[in-house]
Amino acid sequence: MTLVIVDHTHEAAAVLPITEDRKVDARALPGWLGVRRDFSTWLRKLIVDYAFEEGTDYSPDLGRNTGKRGNPRKDYLLTLDTAKQIALI
């Protein structure tokens, strides 16, 4: 029996922007998945319901923090595995 491992990372990168350290911008995911809920509510619920851990599954993206009307907003980077898991939910 032969075990074949296929890495589809390059295919995901064609659809979602993936950083050099294999992270996905969490704000890109709901649009790709067709989620119509408010981003922050949607992501917070996923974090709680599936026990995603900061530092392991996601991390704050401190590079961009200005939302509508100049108000601060929280952005997150998801590990590629976490983004895949969310896509399967």
N, C-alpha and C. Protein backbone atom coordinates (compact mmCIF):
# COMPACT_ATOMS: atom_id res chain seq x y z
N MET A 1 0.84 -1.18 0.00
CA MET A 1 0.00 0.00 0.00
C MET A 1 0.88 1.24 0.00
N THR A 2 0.55 2.20 -0.83
CA THR A 2 1.31 3.43 -0.93
C THR A 2 0.52 4.57 -0.33
N LEU A 3 1.17 5.34 0.50
CA LEU A 3 0.55 6.52 1.11
C LEU A 3 0.93 7.74 0.29
N VAL A 4 -0.06 8.43 -0.20
CA VAL A 4 0.19 9.63 -0.99
C VAL A 4 -0.28 10.84 -0.19
N ILE A 5 0.61 11.78 0.00
CA ILE A 5 0.27 13.01 0.72
C ILE A 5 0.22 14.13 -0.30
N VAL A 6 -0.91 14.80 -0.37
CA VAL A 6 -1.09 15.89 -1.32
C VAL A 6 -1.21 17.19 -0.55
N ASP A 7 -0.40 18.15 -0.91
CA ASP A 7 -0.45 19.46 -0.26
C ASP A 7 -1.17 20.42 -1.20
N HIS A 8 -2.37 20.85 -0.80
CA HIS A 8 -3.17 21.75 -1.62
C HIS A 8 -3.00 23.20 -1.20
N THR A 9 -1.96 23.50 -0.45
CA THR A 9 -1.76 24.86 0.04
C THR A 9 -1.73 25.86 -1.11
N HIS A 10 -1.08 25.52 -2.20
CA HIS A 10 -1.00 26.45 -3.33
C HIS A 10 -2.37 26.73 -3.93
N GLU A 11 -3.29 25.76 -3.88
CA GLU A 11 -4.64 25.96 -4.40
C GLU A 11 -5.42 26.92 -3.51
N ALA A 12 -5.27 26.77 -2.19
CA ALA A 12 -5.94 27.69 -1.27
C ALA A 12 -5.40 29.09 -1.44
N ALA A 13 -4.12 29.22 -1.69
CA ALA A 13 -3.51 30.54 -1.85
C ALA A 13 -4.07 31.28 -3.06
N ALA A 14 -4.54 30.54 -4.05
CA ALA A 14 -5.14 31.17 -5.22
C ALA A 14 -6.46 31.83 -4.87
N VAL A 15 -7.11 31.39 -3.80
CA VAL A 15 -8.41 31.91 -3.41
C VAL A 15 -8.30 32.81 -2.19
N LEU A 16 -7.53 32.39 -1.20
CA LEU A 16 -7.35 33.16 0.04
C LEU A 16 -5.90 33.58 0.16
N PRO A 17 -5.66 34.82 0.59
CA PRO A 17 -4.27 35.23 0.78
C PRO A 17 -3.66 34.51 1.98
N ILE A 18 -2.52 33.86 1.75
CA ILE A 18 -1.82 33.14 2.81
C ILE A 18 -0.45 33.80 2.99
N THR A 19 -0.12 34.12 4.23
CA THR A 19 1.17 34.76 4.51
C THR A 19 2.30 33.75 4.38
N GLU A 20 3.53 34.26 4.41
CA GLU A 20 4.69 33.39 4.28
C GLU A 20 4.77 32.36 5.41
N ASP A 21 4.26 32.72 6.58
CA ASP A 21 4.29 31.77 7.71
C ASP A 21 2.99 30.95 7.80
N ARG A 22 2.29 30.82 6.66
CA ARG A 22 1.10 29.97 6.51
C ARG A 22 -0.05 30.39 7.42
N LYS A 23 -0.35 31.68 7.41
CA LYS A 23 -1.48 32.22 8.16
C LYS A 23 -2.49 32.81 7.16
N VAL A 24 -3.75 32.82 7.58
CA VAL A 24 -4.84 33.33 6.75
C VAL A 24 -5.49 34.51 7.46
N ASP A 25 -5.73 35.60 6.74
CA ASP A 25 -6.44 36.74 7.30
C ASP A 25 -7.87 36.30 7.59
N ALA A 26 -8.27 36.35 8.86
CA ALA A 26 -9.60 35.87 9.26
C ALA A 26 -10.71 36.64 8.56
N ARG A 27 -10.50 37.90 8.22
CA ARG A 27 -11.55 38.70 7.57
C ARG A 27 -11.80 38.25 6.13
N ALA A 28 -10.88 37.55 5.52
CA ALA A 28 -11.08 37.06 4.15
C ALA A 28 -11.94 35.80 4.13
N LEU A 29 -11.96 35.07 5.22
CA LEU A 29 -12.63 33.77 5.25
C LEU A 29 -14.15 33.83 5.12
N PRO A 30 -14.86 34.70 5.86
CA PRO A 30 -16.33 34.69 5.73
C PRO A 30 -16.82 35.01 4.31
N GLY A 31 -16.16 35.91 3.63
CA GLY A 31 -16.56 36.23 2.26
C GLY A 31 -16.39 35.03 1.34
N TRP A 32 -15.30 34.31 1.52
CA TRP A 32 -15.02 33.14 0.71
C TRP A 32 -16.01 32.03 1.00
N LEU A 33 -16.44 31.94 2.27
CA LEU A 33 -17.39 30.90 2.68
C LEU A 33 -18.85 31.30 2.48
N GLY A 34 -19.09 32.56 2.15
CA GLY A 34 -20.46 33.03 1.96
C GLY A 34 -21.18 33.33 3.27
N VAL A 35 -20.44 33.60 4.33
CA VAL A 35 -21.03 33.93 5.63
C VAL A 35 -21.52 35.37 5.58
N ARG A 36 -22.74 35.61 6.01
CA ARG A 36 -23.32 36.95 5.95
C ARG A 36 -23.47 37.59 7.33
N ARG A 37 -22.98 36.94 8.37
CA ARG A 37 -23.08 37.48 9.73
C ARG A 37 -21.98 38.51 9.96
N ASP A 38 -22.18 39.32 10.99
CA ASP A 38 -21.17 40.27 11.41
C ASP A 38 -19.88 39.52 11.73
N PHE A 39 -18.75 40.00 11.21
CA PHE A 39 -17.47 39.30 11.35
C PHE A 39 -17.11 39.03 12.80
N SER A 40 -17.12 40.07 13.64
CA SER A 40 -16.66 39.90 15.02
C SER A 40 -17.54 38.92 15.80
N THR A 41 -18.85 38.98 15.59
CA THR A 41 -19.77 38.06 16.26
C THR A 41 -19.53 36.63 15.78
N TRP A 42 -19.39 36.46 14.49
CA TRP A 42 -19.16 35.15 13.87
C TRP A 42 -17.86 34.53 14.39
N LEU A 43 -16.78 35.30 14.39
CA LEU A 43 -15.49 34.75 14.81
C LEU A 43 -15.47 34.46 16.31
N ARG A 44 -16.00 35.37 17.12
CA ARG A 44 -16.02 35.11 18.56
C ARG A 44 -16.79 33.84 18.90
N LYS A 45 -17.92 33.62 18.22
CA LYS A 45 -18.72 32.41 18.45
C LYS A 45 -17.92 31.16 18.07
N LEU A 46 -17.22 31.20 16.95
CA LEU A 46 -16.40 30.06 16.54
C LEU A 46 -15.30 29.79 17.57
N ILE A 47 -14.65 30.84 18.03
CA ILE A 47 -13.57 30.68 19.01
C ILE A 47 -14.07 29.99 20.27
N VAL A 48 -15.24 30.42 20.75
CA VAL A 48 -15.81 29.83 21.97
C VAL A 48 -16.32 28.42 21.70
N ASP A 49 -17.12 28.25 20.66
CA ASP A 49 -17.76 26.95 20.39
C ASP A 49 -16.75 25.84 20.09
N TYR A 50 -15.65 26.18 19.44
CA TYR A 50 -14.68 25.16 19.03
C TYR A 50 -13.38 25.24 19.82
N ALA A 51 -13.37 26.05 20.87
CA ALA A 51 -12.23 26.15 21.79
C ALA A 51 -10.90 26.43 21.08
N PHE A 52 -10.95 27.33 20.09
CA PHE A 52 -9.71 27.75 19.45
C PHE A 52 -8.89 28.55 20.46
N GLU A 53 -7.58 28.37 20.45
CA GLU A 53 -6.71 29.01 21.43
C GLU A 53 -5.85 30.09 20.79
N GLU A 54 -5.85 31.26 21.45
CA GLU A 54 -5.00 32.35 20.98
C GLU A 54 -3.54 31.92 21.11
N GLY A 55 -2.76 32.20 20.09
CA GLY A 55 -1.36 31.82 20.09
C GLY A 55 -1.12 30.46 19.47
N THR A 56 -2.14 29.62 19.47
CA THR A 56 -2.02 28.29 18.88
C THR A 56 -2.80 28.22 17.57
N ASP A 57 -4.07 28.62 17.61
CA ASP A 57 -4.96 28.53 16.45
C ASP A 57 -5.13 29.87 15.72
N TYR A 58 -4.98 30.94 16.44
CA TYR A 58 -5.13 32.28 15.86
C TYR A 58 -4.30 33.27 16.67
N SER A 59 -4.07 34.42 16.06
CA SER A 59 -3.36 35.48 16.78
C SER A 59 -3.88 36.83 16.29
N PRO A 60 -3.85 37.83 17.15
CA PRO A 60 -4.27 39.16 16.73
C PRO A 60 -3.33 39.68 15.65
N ASP A 61 -3.87 40.36 14.67
CA ASP A 61 -3.08 40.98 13.60
C ASP A 61 -2.98 42.45 13.95
N LEU A 62 -1.86 42.84 14.49
CA LEU A 62 -1.69 44.21 14.97
C LEU A 62 -1.30 45.19 13.87
N GLY A 63 -1.09 44.69 12.67
CA GLY A 63 -0.67 45.56 11.57
C GLY A 63 -1.74 46.51 11.09
N ARG A 64 -2.99 46.07 11.14
CA ARG A 64 -4.10 46.92 10.67
C ARG A 64 -5.11 46.99 11.79
N ASN A 65 -5.46 48.19 12.19
CA ASN A 65 -6.39 48.26 13.31
C ASN A 65 -7.40 49.40 13.20
N THR A 66 -7.60 49.94 12.01
CA THR A 66 -8.57 51.02 11.88
C THR A 66 -9.78 50.54 11.09
N GLY A 67 -10.92 50.63 11.73
CA GLY A 67 -12.16 50.20 11.09
C GLY A 67 -12.92 51.39 10.54
N LYS A 68 -14.22 51.23 10.44
CA LYS A 68 -15.08 52.30 9.94
C LYS A 68 -15.00 53.52 10.85
N ARG A 69 -15.06 54.67 10.25
CA ARG A 69 -15.04 55.95 10.97
C ARG A 69 -13.81 56.09 11.88
N GLY A 70 -12.73 55.39 11.55
CA GLY A 70 -11.50 55.51 12.32
C GLY A 70 -11.50 54.77 13.64
N ASN A 71 -12.58 54.03 13.92
CA ASN A 71 -12.64 53.28 15.17
C ASN A 71 -11.70 52.07 15.09
N PRO A 72 -11.08 51.72 16.21
CA PRO A 72 -10.20 50.54 16.18
C PRO A 72 -10.99 49.27 15.94
N ARG A 73 -10.40 48.34 15.23
CA ARG A 73 -11.03 47.04 15.01
C ARG A 73 -9.98 45.96 15.25
N LYS A 74 -10.44 44.79 15.61
CA LYS A 74 -9.54 43.67 15.84
C LYS A 74 -9.50 42.81 14.59
N ASP A 75 -8.31 42.59 14.11
CA ASP A 75 -8.10 41.66 13.01
C ASP A 75 -7.34 40.46 13.55
N TYR A 76 -7.51 39.33 12.89
CA TYR A 76 -6.88 38.10 13.35
C TYR A 76 -6.23 37.37 12.19
N LEU A 77 -5.16 36.66 12.49
CA LEU A 77 -4.56 35.73 11.56
C LEU A 77 -4.84 34.33 12.09
N LEU A 78 -5.33 33.47 11.22
CA LEU A 78 -5.63 32.09 11.58
C LEU A 78 -4.53 31.19 11.03
N THR A 79 -4.21 30.13 11.76
CA THR A 79 -3.32 29.15 11.18
C THR A 79 -4.05 28.51 10.00
N LEU A 80 -3.30 27.97 9.09
CA LEU A 80 -3.91 27.34 7.93
C LEU A 80 -4.81 26.18 8.35
N ASP A 81 -4.39 25.41 9.36
CA ASP A 81 -5.23 24.31 9.84
C ASP A 81 -6.54 24.81 10.45
N THR A 82 -6.48 25.93 11.18
CA THR A 82 -7.70 26.48 11.77
C THR A 82 -8.65 26.98 10.68
N ALA A 83 -8.09 27.65 9.66
CA ALA A 83 -8.92 28.12 8.54
C ALA A 83 -9.57 26.95 7.83
N LYS A 84 -8.83 25.86 7.65
CA LYS A 84 -9.40 24.67 7.01
C LYS A 84 -10.53 24.09 7.86
N GLN A 85 -10.30 24.04 9.18
CA GLN A 85 -11.32 23.49 10.07
C GLN A 85 -12.58 24.34 10.02
N ILE A 86 -12.45 25.67 10.03
CA ILE A 86 -13.60 26.55 9.95
C ILE A 86 -14.34 26.34 8.62
N ALA A 87 -13.59 26.15 7.56
CA ALA A 87 -14.23 25.94 6.25
C ALA A 87 -15.06 24.66 6.22
N LEU A 88 -14.71 23.70 7.05
CA LEU A 88 -15.44 22.44 7.08
C LEU A 88 -16.64 22.45 8.01
N ILE A 89 -16.76 23.49 8.83
CA ILE A 89 -17.85 23.57 9.80
C ILE A 89 -19.15 23.89 9.09
